[in-house]
Amino acid sequence: MSKPLVVSIPHELGRAEARRRIDEGLVRLTSQIGAVGEIQQSWEGDLLRFSLQAIGQTVSGTIDVRDSEARLEVHLPGIFAMIAGKVKSRLRDEGQILLGGPKRS
């Protein structure tokens, strides 16, 4: 298995609001993926465990919601690990939009 992809997304929302926004984002993602895949998710305190199954591949990971950041750790299967850099950049950008944090270059 490849090394996990880790993205830290700063925010100024507090844990409760960050969790609420992450939940909303997952609802939108689930509706977008609907016909081609399935998302499983469960919260354990402020830690969200998730897995996404699509096109015969499974992506899994966690989102650890902290006071001033959300730490996303994603395990990509081999086919997606080849484009990990692009995936990481997209996750960071989308996460910053979702949580309203400053955009990093």
N, C-alpha and C. Protein backbone atom coordinates (compact mmCIF):
# COMPACT_ATOMS: atom_id res chain seq x y z
N MET A 1 0.84 -1.18 0.00
CA MET A 1 0.00 0.00 0.00
C MET A 1 0.88 1.24 0.00
N SER A 2 0.44 2.25 -0.73
CA SER A 2 1.22 3.47 -0.82
C SER A 2 1.07 4.31 0.45
N LYS A 3 1.98 5.25 0.59
CA LYS A 3 1.97 6.17 1.72
C LYS A 3 0.70 7.02 1.67
N PRO A 4 0.06 7.28 2.82
CA PRO A 4 -1.17 8.08 2.79
C PRO A 4 -0.90 9.51 2.36
N LEU A 5 -1.88 10.09 1.73
CA LEU A 5 -1.85 11.48 1.33
C LEU A 5 -2.41 12.28 2.50
N VAL A 6 -1.70 13.29 2.97
CA VAL A 6 -2.12 14.07 4.13
C VAL A 6 -2.24 15.54 3.74
N VAL A 7 -3.39 16.13 4.08
CA VAL A 7 -3.64 17.54 3.81
C VAL A 7 -4.16 18.18 5.09
N SER A 8 -3.54 19.28 5.51
CA SER A 8 -4.04 20.06 6.65
C SER A 8 -4.69 21.32 6.11
N ILE A 9 -5.93 21.55 6.54
CA ILE A 9 -6.70 22.69 6.06
C ILE A 9 -7.00 23.60 7.24
N PRO A 10 -6.39 24.79 7.28
CA PRO A 10 -6.63 25.71 8.39
C PRO A 10 -8.05 26.28 8.33
N HIS A 11 -8.60 26.59 9.49
CA HIS A 11 -9.91 27.25 9.54
C HIS A 11 -10.01 28.06 10.83
N GLU A 12 -11.00 28.93 10.86
CA GLU A 12 -11.25 29.77 12.04
C GLU A 12 -12.69 29.58 12.50
N LEU A 13 -13.22 28.37 12.33
CA LEU A 13 -14.64 28.11 12.54
C LEU A 13 -14.97 27.50 13.89
N GLY A 14 -14.00 26.91 14.54
CA GLY A 14 -14.28 26.08 15.71
C GLY A 14 -14.68 24.69 15.23
N ARG A 15 -14.59 23.73 16.12
CA ARG A 15 -14.83 22.33 15.74
C ARG A 15 -16.27 22.08 15.26
N ALA A 16 -17.24 22.60 15.99
CA ALA A 16 -18.65 22.31 15.66
C ALA A 16 -19.02 22.80 14.26
N GLU A 17 -18.64 24.03 13.93
CA GLU A 17 -18.98 24.57 12.61
C GLU A 17 -18.19 23.86 11.52
N ALA A 18 -16.94 23.54 11.78
CA ALA A 18 -16.14 22.80 10.78
C ALA A 18 -16.78 21.44 10.51
N ARG A 19 -17.21 20.74 11.56
CA ARG A 19 -17.89 19.44 11.38
C ARG A 19 -19.16 19.60 10.58
N ARG A 20 -19.94 20.63 10.87
CA ARG A 20 -21.19 20.87 10.15
C ARG A 20 -20.93 21.07 8.66
N ARG A 21 -19.92 21.87 8.34
CA ARG A 21 -19.59 22.13 6.93
C ARG A 21 -19.06 20.87 6.24
N ILE A 22 -18.28 20.08 6.96
CA ILE A 22 -17.78 18.83 6.38
C ILE A 22 -18.95 17.89 6.10
N ASP A 23 -19.89 17.80 7.03
CA ASP A 23 -21.08 16.97 6.80
C ASP A 23 -21.85 17.44 5.57
N GLU A 24 -22.04 18.75 5.43
CA GLU A 24 -22.73 19.29 4.26
C GLU A 24 -21.99 18.95 2.97
N GLY A 25 -20.67 19.07 3.01
CA GLY A 25 -19.86 18.74 1.84
C GLY A 25 -19.98 17.28 1.46
N LEU A 26 -20.04 16.39 2.45
CA LEU A 26 -20.20 14.97 2.17
C LEU A 26 -21.57 14.65 1.59
N VAL A 27 -22.60 15.37 2.03
CA VAL A 27 -23.93 15.19 1.45
C VAL A 27 -23.90 15.55 -0.04
N ARG A 28 -23.27 16.67 -0.37
CA ARG A 28 -23.17 17.08 -1.78
C ARG A 28 -22.36 16.06 -2.58
N LEU A 29 -21.24 15.60 -2.02
CA LEU A 29 -20.40 14.61 -2.70
C LEU A 29 -21.16 13.31 -2.93
N THR A 30 -21.89 12.87 -1.93
CA THR A 30 -22.68 11.64 -2.05
C THR A 30 -23.70 11.76 -3.18
N SER A 31 -24.35 12.92 -3.28
CA SER A 31 -25.34 13.09 -4.35
C SER A 31 -24.68 13.16 -5.72
N GLN A 32 -23.46 13.68 -5.80
CA GLN A 32 -22.74 13.76 -7.07
C GLN A 32 -22.25 12.39 -7.52
N ILE A 33 -21.82 11.56 -6.56
CA ILE A 33 -21.25 10.26 -6.89
C ILE A 33 -22.33 9.22 -7.12
N GLY A 34 -23.48 9.39 -6.46
CA GLY A 34 -24.61 8.49 -6.48
C GLY A 34 -24.60 7.31 -7.44
N ALA A 35 -24.60 7.56 -8.73
CA ALA A 35 -24.76 6.49 -9.72
C ALA A 35 -23.50 5.68 -9.94
N VAL A 36 -22.33 6.21 -9.62
CA VAL A 36 -21.08 5.49 -9.92
C VAL A 36 -20.35 4.96 -8.71
N GLY A 37 -20.78 5.32 -7.52
CA GLY A 37 -20.06 4.85 -6.34
C GLY A 37 -20.87 4.99 -5.08
N GLU A 38 -20.24 4.60 -3.98
CA GLU A 38 -20.90 4.64 -2.68
C GLU A 38 -19.93 5.15 -1.63
N ILE A 39 -20.42 6.02 -0.75
CA ILE A 39 -19.61 6.56 0.33
C ILE A 39 -20.14 6.02 1.66
N GLN A 40 -19.23 5.51 2.48
CA GLN A 40 -19.54 5.11 3.85
C GLN A 40 -18.84 6.10 4.77
N GLN A 41 -19.50 6.49 5.85
CA GLN A 41 -18.87 7.43 6.78
C GLN A 41 -19.39 7.21 8.19
N SER A 42 -18.54 7.48 9.17
CA SER A 42 -18.97 7.43 10.57
C SER A 42 -18.07 8.34 11.40
N TRP A 43 -18.71 9.08 12.30
CA TRP A 43 -17.99 9.97 13.21
C TRP A 43 -17.67 9.23 14.50
N GLU A 44 -16.46 9.43 15.00
CA GLU A 44 -16.02 8.97 16.32
C GLU A 44 -15.49 10.20 17.02
N GLY A 45 -16.36 10.88 17.75
CA GLY A 45 -15.98 12.17 18.33
C GLY A 45 -15.79 13.16 17.20
N ASP A 46 -14.60 13.75 17.10
CA ASP A 46 -14.31 14.72 16.04
C ASP A 46 -13.50 14.09 14.90
N LEU A 47 -13.50 12.76 14.84
CA LEU A 47 -12.78 12.04 13.79
C LEU A 47 -13.79 11.37 12.86
N LEU A 48 -13.75 11.72 11.59
CA LEU A 48 -14.62 11.11 10.60
C LEU A 48 -13.84 10.04 9.85
N ARG A 49 -14.35 8.82 9.86
CA ARG A 49 -13.78 7.74 9.05
C ARG A 49 -14.67 7.59 7.82
N PHE A 50 -14.04 7.46 6.65
CA PHE A 50 -14.83 7.34 5.43
C PHE A 50 -14.18 6.37 4.46
N SER A 51 -15.00 5.87 3.55
CA SER A 51 -14.49 5.10 2.42
C SER A 51 -15.41 5.38 1.23
N LEU A 52 -14.81 5.39 0.08
CA LEU A 52 -15.50 5.64 -1.17
C LEU A 52 -15.17 4.51 -2.11
N GLN A 53 -16.20 3.86 -2.62
CA GLN A 53 -16.00 2.80 -3.60
C GLN A 53 -16.57 3.27 -4.92
N ALA A 54 -15.73 3.27 -5.95
CA ALA A 54 -16.16 3.68 -7.29
C ALA A 54 -15.23 3.03 -8.31
N ILE A 55 -15.75 2.72 -9.43
CA ILE A 55 -15.04 2.09 -10.55
C ILE A 55 -14.11 0.95 -10.11
N GLY A 56 -14.61 0.15 -9.18
CA GLY A 56 -13.84 -1.01 -8.72
C GLY A 56 -12.68 -0.69 -7.80
N GLN A 57 -12.59 0.53 -7.30
CA GLN A 57 -11.50 0.96 -6.42
C GLN A 57 -12.08 1.48 -5.11
N THR A 58 -11.30 1.37 -4.04
CA THR A 58 -11.72 1.90 -2.74
C THR A 58 -10.70 2.92 -2.25
N VAL A 59 -11.20 4.09 -1.93
CA VAL A 59 -10.42 5.16 -1.32
C VAL A 59 -10.93 5.28 0.11
N SER A 60 -10.02 5.28 1.09
CA SER A 60 -10.45 5.39 2.48
C SER A 60 -9.60 6.42 3.20
N GLY A 61 -10.09 6.84 4.35
CA GLY A 61 -9.31 7.80 5.11
C GLY A 61 -10.05 8.35 6.30
N THR A 62 -9.48 9.41 6.85
CA THR A 62 -10.05 10.07 8.01
C THR A 62 -9.96 11.58 7.85
N ILE A 63 -10.86 12.27 8.54
CA ILE A 63 -10.77 13.72 8.69
C ILE A 63 -10.82 13.99 10.19
N ASP A 64 -9.73 14.53 10.72
CA ASP A 64 -9.63 14.85 12.13
C ASP A 64 -9.88 16.35 12.28
N VAL A 65 -11.03 16.69 12.85
CA VAL A 65 -11.41 18.10 13.00
C VAL A 65 -10.82 18.62 14.30
N ARG A 66 -9.98 19.63 14.18
CA ARG A 66 -9.32 20.25 15.33
C ARG A 66 -9.80 21.69 15.46
N ASP A 67 -9.39 22.36 16.53
CA ASP A 67 -9.85 23.72 16.78
C ASP A 67 -9.56 24.69 15.64
N SER A 68 -8.38 24.59 15.04
CA SER A 68 -8.01 25.56 14.00
C SER A 68 -7.58 24.92 12.68
N GLU A 69 -7.80 23.61 12.54
CA GLU A 69 -7.50 22.95 11.28
C GLU A 69 -8.26 21.64 11.19
N ALA A 70 -8.40 21.17 9.97
CA ALA A 70 -8.92 19.83 9.72
C ALA A 70 -7.79 19.08 9.02
N ARG A 71 -7.48 17.89 9.54
CA ARG A 71 -6.40 17.09 8.97
C ARG A 71 -7.01 15.91 8.23
N LEU A 72 -6.82 15.90 6.94
CA LEU A 72 -7.36 14.87 6.06
C LEU A 72 -6.26 13.89 5.71
N GLU A 73 -6.50 12.60 5.95
CA GLU A 73 -5.55 11.55 5.58
C GLU A 73 -6.29 10.58 4.68
N VAL A 74 -5.76 10.38 3.47
CA VAL A 74 -6.43 9.56 2.47
C VAL A 74 -5.48 8.46 1.99
N HIS A 75 -6.02 7.25 1.92
CA HIS A 75 -5.29 6.11 1.39
C HIS A 75 -5.82 5.84 -0.02
N LEU A 76 -4.96 6.06 -1.00
CA LEU A 76 -5.34 5.89 -2.40
C LEU A 76 -4.88 4.53 -2.92
N PRO A 77 -5.73 3.83 -3.67
CA PRO A 77 -5.29 2.58 -4.29
C PRO A 77 -4.29 2.90 -5.41
N GLY A 78 -3.55 1.90 -5.83
CA GLY A 78 -2.49 2.07 -6.82
C GLY A 78 -2.83 2.92 -8.01
N ILE A 79 -4.00 2.71 -8.59
CA ILE A 79 -4.36 3.44 -9.80
C ILE A 79 -4.43 4.95 -9.54
N PHE A 80 -4.89 5.34 -8.36
CA PHE A 80 -5.00 6.76 -8.03
C PHE A 80 -3.72 7.30 -7.39
N ALA A 81 -2.92 6.44 -6.81
CA ALA A 81 -1.68 6.88 -6.18
C ALA A 81 -0.74 7.52 -7.20
N MET A 82 -0.90 7.13 -8.46
CA MET A 82 -0.05 7.70 -9.52
C MET A 82 -0.31 9.19 -9.72
N ILE A 83 -1.49 9.66 -9.33
CA ILE A 83 -1.81 11.08 -9.51
C ILE A 83 -2.02 11.76 -8.15
N ALA A 84 -1.33 11.26 -7.13
CA ALA A 84 -1.50 11.75 -5.76
C ALA A 84 -1.26 13.26 -5.65
N GLY A 85 -0.29 13.79 -6.36
CA GLY A 85 0.00 15.22 -6.28
C GLY A 85 -1.18 16.06 -6.73
N LYS A 86 -1.81 15.68 -7.82
CA LYS A 86 -2.98 16.41 -8.31
C LYS A 86 -4.16 16.25 -7.36
N VAL A 87 -4.33 15.04 -6.83
CA VAL A 87 -5.41 14.79 -5.88
C VAL A 87 -5.22 15.64 -4.63
N LYS A 88 -4.00 15.69 -4.12
CA LYS A 88 -3.70 16.47 -2.91
C LYS A 88 -4.01 17.94 -3.13
N SER A 89 -3.60 18.48 -4.26
CA SER A 89 -3.85 19.88 -4.57
C SER A 89 -5.35 20.16 -4.64
N ARG A 90 -6.09 19.28 -5.28
CA ARG A 90 -7.55 19.46 -5.41
C ARG A 90 -8.23 19.36 -4.04
N LEU A 91 -7.81 18.40 -3.21
CA LEU A 91 -8.39 18.26 -1.88
C LEU A 91 -8.13 19.51 -1.04
N ARG A 92 -6.92 20.03 -1.12
CA ARG A 92 -6.57 21.25 -0.37
C ARG A 92 -7.44 22.42 -0.84
N ASP A 93 -7.54 22.61 -2.15
CA ASP A 93 -8.33 23.72 -2.67
C ASP A 93 -9.80 23.60 -2.29
N GLU A 94 -10.38 22.42 -2.47
CA GLU A 94 -11.80 22.22 -2.14
C GLU A 94 -12.04 22.34 -0.63
N GLY A 95 -11.11 21.84 0.16
CA GLY A 95 -11.23 21.94 1.61
C GLY A 95 -11.18 23.38 2.09
N GLN A 96 -10.34 24.18 1.47
CA GLN A 96 -10.24 25.59 1.85
C GLN A 96 -11.49 26.35 1.47
N ILE A 97 -12.09 25.98 0.34
CA ILE A 97 -13.36 26.59 -0.04
C ILE A 97 -14.45 26.22 0.98
N LEU A 98 -14.50 24.93 1.33
CA LEU A 98 -15.51 24.43 2.25
C LEU A 98 -15.38 25.06 3.64
N LEU A 99 -14.15 25.18 4.13
CA LEU A 99 -13.93 25.68 5.48
C LEU A 99 -13.59 27.17 5.54
N GLY A 100 -13.50 27.81 4.38
CA GLY A 100 -13.29 29.25 4.35
C GLY A 100 -11.93 29.71 4.83
N GLY A 101 -10.93 28.85 4.74
CA GLY A 101 -9.58 29.20 5.19
C GLY A 101 -8.81 29.92 4.11
N PRO A 102 -7.64 30.42 4.43
CA PRO A 102 -6.80 31.10 3.44
C PRO A 102 -6.28 30.11 2.40
N LYS A 103 -6.22 30.54 1.15
CA LYS A 103 -5.72 29.68 0.07
C LYS A 103 -4.20 29.67 0.07
N ARG A 104 -3.64 28.47 0.01
CA ARG A 104 -2.17 28.33 -0.07
C ARG A 104 -1.77 28.13 -1.52
N SER A 105 -0.56 28.57 -1.84
CA SER A 105 -0.08 28.37 -3.21
C SER A 105 0.72 27.09 -3.30
